[in-house]
Protein backbone atom coordinates (compact mmCIF):
# COMPACT_ATOMS: atom_id res chain seq x y z
CA UNK A 1 -220.12 -95.51 -65.90
CA UNK A 2 -216.82 -94.48 -64.10
CA UNK A 3 -216.42 -90.79 -64.69
CA UNK A 4 -212.47 -90.34 -65.04
CA UNK A 5 -212.32 -86.70 -65.15
CA UNK A 6 -214.52 -83.35 -65.47
CA UNK A 7 -214.60 -83.69 -69.29
CA UNK A 8 -216.20 -87.14 -68.81
CA UNK A 9 -218.95 -85.75 -66.51
CA UNK A 10 -219.62 -82.64 -68.66
CA UNK A 11 -220.38 -84.73 -71.07
CA UNK A 12 -222.79 -87.65 -69.48
CA UNK A 13 -224.45 -84.95 -67.53
CA UNK A 14 -224.31 -82.33 -70.28
CA UNK A 15 -228.61 -81.34 -69.35
CA UNK A 16 -227.34 -81.53 -65.21
CA UNK A 17 -224.82 -79.10 -65.96
CA UNK A 18 -226.63 -76.69 -67.98
CA UNK A 19 -229.11 -76.71 -65.60
CA UNK A 20 -226.74 -76.07 -62.87
CA UNK A 21 -225.14 -73.00 -64.72
CA UNK A 22 -228.42 -71.26 -65.09
CA UNK A 23 -228.18 -70.48 -60.68
CA UNK A 24 -226.30 -67.52 -60.54
CA UNK A 25 -222.92 -67.98 -58.53
CA UNK A 26 -223.18 -65.47 -55.10
CA UNK A 27 -220.87 -65.03 -52.14
CA UNK A 28 -223.35 -67.31 -50.53
CA UNK A 29 -224.26 -69.78 -53.35
CA UNK A 30 -222.27 -72.48 -55.10
CA UNK A 31 -222.96 -75.05 -57.89
CA UNK A 32 -221.99 -78.77 -57.11
CA UNK A 33 -222.82 -82.07 -58.86
CA UNK A 34 -222.33 -85.29 -56.76
CA UNK A 35 -222.30 -88.54 -57.94
CA UNK A 36 -222.89 -92.07 -56.43
CA UNK A 37 -220.41 -94.69 -58.10
CA UNK A 38 -221.31 -98.19 -58.79
CA UNK A 39 -218.73 -98.66 -56.12
CA UNK A 40 -221.03 -97.08 -53.54
CA UNK A 41 -217.89 -94.02 -53.32
CA UNK A 42 -218.82 -90.52 -54.52
CA UNK A 43 -217.01 -88.31 -57.14
CA UNK A 44 -217.88 -84.28 -56.75
CA UNK A 45 -217.74 -81.53 -59.11
CA UNK A 46 -217.86 -77.75 -58.79
CA UNK A 47 -220.15 -76.61 -61.69
CA UNK A 48 -218.71 -72.68 -63.16
CA UNK A 49 -219.63 -70.87 -66.09
CA UNK A 50 -216.82 -72.45 -68.40
CA UNK A 51 -215.85 -75.51 -66.84
CA UNK A 52 -216.09 -78.00 -64.00
CA UNK A 53 -213.52 -79.08 -61.50
CA UNK A 54 -213.18 -82.08 -59.58
CA UNK A 55 -213.14 -81.99 -55.54
CA UNK A 56 -213.02 -83.07 -52.45
CA UNK A 57 -215.62 -83.96 -50.24
CA UNK A 58 -214.41 -80.53 -48.08
CA UNK A 59 -214.81 -78.80 -51.56
CA UNK A 60 -210.52 -78.37 -52.39
CA UNK A 61 -210.24 -78.71 -55.74
CA UNK A 62 -208.21 -81.88 -56.63
CA UNK A 63 -206.07 -80.37 -59.31
CA UNK A 64 -204.34 -77.03 -59.66
CA UNK A 65 -204.17 -74.97 -62.60
CA UNK A 66 -201.52 -72.51 -63.65
CA UNK A 67 -200.99 -70.49 -66.24
CA UNK A 68 -199.02 -71.88 -68.88
CA UNK A 69 -199.85 -75.21 -68.29
CA UNK A 70 -202.44 -77.40 -70.83
CA UNK A 71 -204.87 -80.12 -70.02
CA UNK A 72 -205.77 -79.49 -66.76
CA UNK A 73 -209.55 -78.55 -65.91
CA UNK A 74 -209.34 -77.56 -62.45
CA UNK A 75 -209.68 -74.28 -60.26
CA UNK A 76 -206.06 -72.27 -59.84
CA UNK A 77 -205.40 -71.95 -55.55
CA UNK A 78 -202.65 -70.28 -54.02
CA UNK A 79 -199.44 -71.78 -51.94
CA UNK A 80 -201.24 -72.64 -49.20
CA UNK A 81 -203.83 -74.67 -51.20
CA UNK A 82 -206.80 -72.10 -51.14
CA UNK A 83 -208.82 -72.29 -54.09
CA UNK A 84 -209.53 -68.40 -55.63
CA UNK A 85 -213.59 -67.63 -55.84
CA UNK A 86 -214.76 -68.33 -59.00
CA UNK A 87 -214.12 -66.03 -61.68
CA UNK A 88 -211.22 -64.13 -59.78
CA UNK A 89 -207.86 -64.29 -61.35
CA UNK A 90 -204.55 -65.77 -59.43
CA UNK A 91 -202.42 -62.70 -58.20
CA UNK A 92 -199.00 -62.43 -58.66
CA UNK A 93 -198.04 -64.25 -55.66
CA UNK A 94 -199.56 -67.08 -56.41
CA UNK A 95 -197.79 -67.53 -59.55
């Protein structure tokens, strides 16, 4: 099965995601799920408390979520593309 979006990953790997969410997030730890596809390519997901975010190999989110938009399950970032730390809201300069 090819994972098309973070929701597919959460459904297929529900037990793994639940286990990873039990690991506390700190300034030095993160939670990621790396999946090897049938085509021998990797898909990466950051596991947050309330959602999964698809990320690139370098850890940057693939999609950017902005207030007022729906259907995009991704971590917000600033205009320079830097992600916000998990749980931190975007600043007024980022909108």
